[in-house]
Amino acid sequence: MASSTGNEKSVNPVLRISQLDALELNKALEQLVWSQFTSCFHGFKPGVLANFEPEVKAFLWLILWRFTIYSKNATVGQAILNIQYKNNLSQTEKYQPLSKHQKLWYLIFTVGGRWLEERCFDLFSNRQLQSSCKINRYINFGAGLLKFCGLVNFLIFLQKGTFATLTERILGIRSVFCKPQGVRQVGFEYMNRELLWHGFAEFLIYLLPLINAQKLKLKLSSWCLPIAGLSNSENTLADHCKECSLCGEWPTMPHTIGCSHVFCYFCIKSNYLSDMYFTCPKCGSEVHSLQPLKYKIEMTEL
């Protein structure tokens, strides 16, 4: 009697965040299994699984249930986080595994409920129109009622920390730690590094809109390509007003800003509207006045 009592494991309550993490891990595993399964049918005709998708999913979830809840009293997400289900209907505070009835009802509520949710409209679609509309209304009402009950259960879970899902509350199964948890040691090195990078990123997001990239680009180009460093042919083009100082093409509706260089009207107007302190990229002169040329340049001069 003493040895059997000593073999019983004590119950350790589970944090709310750990229970929610386990649920998210279960969803991620199901999505991974389904994506891997559907990838096997990429070479087949499209829509092969469309007619049997609910049944195929139910079969896959049945396999998962067999090797998780039925054999280990824990889902995959719970096993990763050192959590398992306890029969909360037992009067003792020691750990009690789930009964077979609880495991079967868990299968019916989870796998069967999902299958029925996906197939319920198809099951009653062959009936008469009037009865079909009534059945659809009942189904929608029942689905809405279940979602509302799930919301109420989640609010109670946030307050008390037990029964994260409605199925757990109905069946009386509770999440507990498999082994006693030690003192959690938090390392602040990674946290400090993340806070530093997040602060730096927020500073850049705030600073970048204030930087005039166009003006900076033109300033750098004026330093790299000063007017004295241009070749004789480029100087000749600039002097004869046959080259836009911004786009380098034949100037369309040529305009000047007070210096000896010429710009297309649309080039200089768009740059001046975006930057009121715009300067000539060739000589660095500021815009004194935007004026059209007093003489016209004909293409025949080329």
Foldseek 3Di string as FASTA:
>chain_A
DVVVVVPFAAWAADFLVLVVQLVVVLVVVLVVVVVVVVVVCPVPDPPPCVVPVLVVSLVVVVVQLVPACVPPQHHPSQVVVQKHKAQQVDPDRTGDGDDPVLSVVVSCVPSVVSSCVVCVLVVLVPDDPVVSVVSVVVSVVVVVVLVVVQVVVCVVCVVPVWDNGPSCVVRRMTMTGNDDDDDDDDDCPVVVVVVVVVVVVVVCVVCVVVDDPVQVVLQVLCVVAEQVNDDPVVVVCQQVAQAAQPPRHGADQWKDQPDSGIHHPVVVVVVCVSPVQHARSHHRHGRPDIGGDPDDDDPVVD
